[in-house]
Amino acid sequence: MLRYFPLHLLPEFRALGHDYGECPVAEETYFNRQVQLPIYAHLTDNQIDHMIGAVRRSIATLRSGR
């Protein structure tokens, strides 16, 4: 599965001295605003339906302000 991650937090860049807090917008987006769904060829219809339901429930919860 492909995952995107703030580049400065990858091990190769951390070894060069980069650390959390260096790119606050990227970190806020990645850790607090982004949703990563599994996407790969072998997902079953049941897994896809489960994800769709979870996303719909999450949206409904956010809209209701809970």
N, C-alpha and C. Protein backbone atom coordinates (compact mmCIF):
# COMPACT_ATOMS: atom_id res chain seq x y z
N MET A 1 0.85 -1.17 0.00
CA MET A 1 0.00 0.00 0.00
C MET A 1 0.90 1.24 0.00
N LEU A 2 0.53 2.19 -0.81
CA LEU A 2 1.26 3.44 -0.90
C LEU A 2 0.78 4.39 0.17
N ARG A 3 1.71 4.93 0.93
CA ARG A 3 1.38 5.93 1.95
C ARG A 3 2.25 7.14 1.73
N TYR A 4 1.63 8.29 1.79
CA TYR A 4 2.38 9.53 1.71
C TYR A 4 2.70 9.98 3.13
N PHE A 5 3.87 10.56 3.30
CA PHE A 5 4.32 10.97 4.62
C PHE A 5 5.12 12.25 4.44
N PRO A 6 5.06 13.18 5.38
CA PRO A 6 5.89 14.38 5.24
C PRO A 6 7.36 13.99 5.06
N LEU A 7 7.95 14.45 3.97
CA LEU A 7 9.31 14.01 3.62
C LEU A 7 10.33 14.24 4.72
N HIS A 8 10.23 15.35 5.41
CA HIS A 8 11.25 15.65 6.43
C HIS A 8 11.21 14.69 7.60
N LEU A 9 10.14 13.87 7.69
CA LEU A 9 10.01 12.91 8.78
C LEU A 9 10.38 11.49 8.37
N LEU A 10 10.74 11.30 7.12
CA LEU A 10 11.21 9.98 6.69
C LEU A 10 12.56 9.70 7.34
N PRO A 11 12.86 8.43 7.60
CA PRO A 11 14.12 8.10 8.29
C PRO A 11 15.37 8.70 7.64
N GLU A 12 15.38 8.74 6.32
CA GLU A 12 16.56 9.26 5.63
C GLU A 12 16.79 10.74 5.96
N PHE A 13 15.72 11.50 6.07
CA PHE A 13 15.84 12.92 6.39
C PHE A 13 16.00 13.16 7.90
N ARG A 14 15.39 12.30 8.69
CA ARG A 14 15.59 12.41 10.15
C ARG A 14 17.06 12.17 10.48
N ALA A 15 17.71 11.26 9.74
CA ALA A 15 19.14 10.98 9.96
C ALA A 15 20.00 12.20 9.64
N LEU A 16 19.47 13.10 8.82
CA LEU A 16 20.20 14.32 8.48
C LEU A 16 19.89 15.47 9.45
N GLY A 17 19.06 15.18 10.46
CA GLY A 17 18.79 16.18 11.48
C GLY A 17 17.42 16.84 11.39
N HIS A 18 16.61 16.44 10.43
CA HIS A 18 15.26 17.02 10.33
C HIS A 18 14.38 16.41 11.40
N ASP A 19 13.36 17.18 11.85
CA ASP A 19 12.55 16.70 12.98
C ASP A 19 11.15 17.27 12.92
N TYR A 20 10.30 16.79 13.80
CA TYR A 20 8.93 17.28 13.93
C TYR A 20 8.95 18.78 14.22
N GLY A 21 7.96 19.47 13.70
CA GLY A 21 7.84 20.90 13.94
C GLY A 21 8.48 21.76 12.87
N GLU A 22 9.27 21.14 12.01
CA GLU A 22 9.96 21.86 10.96
C GLU A 22 9.01 22.35 9.86
N CYS A 23 8.03 21.57 9.56
CA CYS A 23 7.06 21.89 8.50
C CYS A 23 5.65 21.75 9.08
N PRO A 24 5.22 22.72 9.88
CA PRO A 24 3.96 22.56 10.61
C PRO A 24 2.73 22.40 9.72
N VAL A 25 2.71 23.01 8.56
CA VAL A 25 1.54 22.87 7.68
C VAL A 25 1.45 21.43 7.15
N ALA A 26 2.57 20.89 6.72
CA ALA A 26 2.59 19.50 6.23
C ALA A 26 2.21 18.53 7.35
N GLU A 27 2.72 18.78 8.55
CA GLU A 27 2.41 17.90 9.68
C GLU A 27 0.94 18.00 10.08
N GLU A 28 0.39 19.20 10.13
CA GLU A 28 -1.03 19.38 10.45
C GLU A 28 -1.90 18.66 9.43
N THR A 29 -1.57 18.84 8.17
CA THR A 29 -2.35 18.20 7.11
C THR A 29 -2.26 16.69 7.22
N TYR A 30 -1.06 16.17 7.37
CA TYR A 30 -0.89 14.72 7.40
C TYR A 30 -1.50 14.08 8.63
N PHE A 31 -1.22 14.63 9.79
CA PHE A 31 -1.62 13.97 11.03
C PHE A 31 -3.04 14.32 11.48
N ASN A 32 -3.59 15.46 11.08
CA ASN A 32 -4.88 15.88 11.61
C ASN A 32 -5.98 16.09 10.58
N ARG A 33 -5.65 16.17 9.31
CA ARG A 33 -6.67 16.50 8.32
C ARG A 33 -6.78 15.50 7.18
N GLN A 34 -5.87 14.60 7.07
CA GLN A 34 -5.83 13.68 5.94
C GLN A 34 -6.42 12.33 6.33
N VAL A 35 -7.11 11.73 5.40
CA VAL A 35 -7.62 10.38 5.59
C VAL A 35 -6.96 9.49 4.54
N GLN A 36 -6.42 8.38 4.98
CA GLN A 36 -5.81 7.45 4.05
C GLN A 36 -6.63 6.16 4.05
N LEU A 37 -7.16 5.85 2.90
CA LEU A 37 -7.94 4.63 2.74
C LEU A 37 -7.10 3.59 2.02
N PRO A 38 -7.24 2.33 2.40
CA PRO A 38 -6.50 1.29 1.68
C PRO A 38 -7.05 1.15 0.26
N ILE A 39 -6.16 1.16 -0.69
CA ILE A 39 -6.56 1.00 -2.09
C ILE A 39 -5.57 0.04 -2.73
N TYR A 40 -6.05 -1.13 -3.06
CA TYR A 40 -5.22 -2.10 -3.75
C TYR A 40 -6.13 -3.08 -4.48
N ALA A 41 -5.57 -3.81 -5.41
CA ALA A 41 -6.34 -4.62 -6.34
C ALA A 41 -7.13 -5.75 -5.68
N HIS A 42 -6.70 -6.21 -4.52
CA HIS A 42 -7.34 -7.38 -3.92
C HIS A 42 -8.38 -7.05 -2.86
N LEU A 43 -8.82 -5.82 -2.78
CA LEU A 43 -9.91 -5.49 -1.85
C LEU A 43 -11.17 -6.22 -2.28
N THR A 44 -11.87 -6.78 -1.31
CA THR A 44 -13.12 -7.47 -1.63
C THR A 44 -14.26 -6.45 -1.67
N ASP A 45 -15.36 -6.86 -2.26
CA ASP A 45 -16.54 -5.99 -2.28
C ASP A 45 -16.99 -5.67 -0.85
N ASN A 46 -16.90 -6.64 0.05
CA ASN A 46 -17.29 -6.41 1.45
C ASN A 46 -16.37 -5.38 2.11
N GLN A 47 -15.08 -5.45 1.85
CA GLN A 47 -14.15 -4.47 2.41
C GLN A 47 -14.45 -3.07 1.87
N ILE A 48 -14.73 -2.99 0.58
CA ILE A 48 -15.06 -1.70 -0.03
C ILE A 48 -16.35 -1.15 0.57
N ASP A 49 -17.36 -2.00 0.69
CA ASP A 49 -18.63 -1.57 1.29
C ASP A 49 -18.42 -1.10 2.74
N HIS A 50 -17.57 -1.79 3.48
CA HIS A 50 -17.27 -1.41 4.86
C HIS A 50 -16.63 -0.02 4.91
N MET A 51 -15.68 0.23 4.02
CA MET A 51 -15.01 1.55 3.98
C MET A 51 -15.99 2.65 3.60
N ILE A 52 -16.84 2.38 2.61
CA ILE A 52 -17.83 3.37 2.19
C ILE A 52 -18.74 3.72 3.36
N GLY A 53 -19.20 2.70 4.08
CA GLY A 53 -20.07 2.93 5.23
C GLY A 53 -19.37 3.74 6.31
N ALA A 54 -18.10 3.43 6.56
CA ALA A 54 -17.35 4.15 7.59
C ALA A 54 -17.16 5.61 7.20
N VAL A 55 -16.86 5.87 5.95
CA VAL A 55 -16.70 7.25 5.49
C VAL A 55 -18.02 8.00 5.60
N ARG A 56 -19.11 7.36 5.19
CA ARG A 56 -20.42 8.02 5.28
C ARG A 56 -20.80 8.32 6.73
N ARG A 57 -20.53 7.38 7.64
CA ARG A 57 -20.83 7.61 9.06
C ARG A 57 -19.98 8.74 9.62
N SER A 58 -18.73 8.78 9.22
CA SER A 58 -17.83 9.85 9.69
C SER A 58 -18.30 11.22 9.20
N ILE A 59 -18.69 11.30 7.95
CA ILE A 59 -19.20 12.56 7.40
C ILE A 59 -20.47 12.99 8.12
N ALA A 60 -21.35 12.03 8.35
CA ALA A 60 -22.60 12.36 9.06
C ALA A 60 -22.32 12.88 10.47
N THR A 61 -21.36 12.26 11.15
CA THR A 61 -20.98 12.70 12.49
C THR A 61 -20.40 14.10 12.45
N LEU A 62 -19.51 14.36 11.50
CA LEU A 62 -18.91 15.70 11.38
C LEU A 62 -19.98 16.75 11.07
N ARG A 63 -20.92 16.42 10.22
CA ARG A 63 -21.98 17.37 9.87
C ARG A 63 -22.89 17.66 11.06
N SER A 64 -23.09 16.68 11.91
CA SER A 64 -23.99 16.87 13.05
C SER A 64 -23.31 17.63 14.19
N GLY A 65 -22.00 17.78 14.10
CA GLY A 65 -21.27 18.53 15.11
C GLY A 65 -20.95 17.77 16.37
N ARG A 66 -21.05 16.47 16.34
CA ARG A 66 -20.74 15.64 17.52
C ARG A 66 -19.27 15.45 17.69
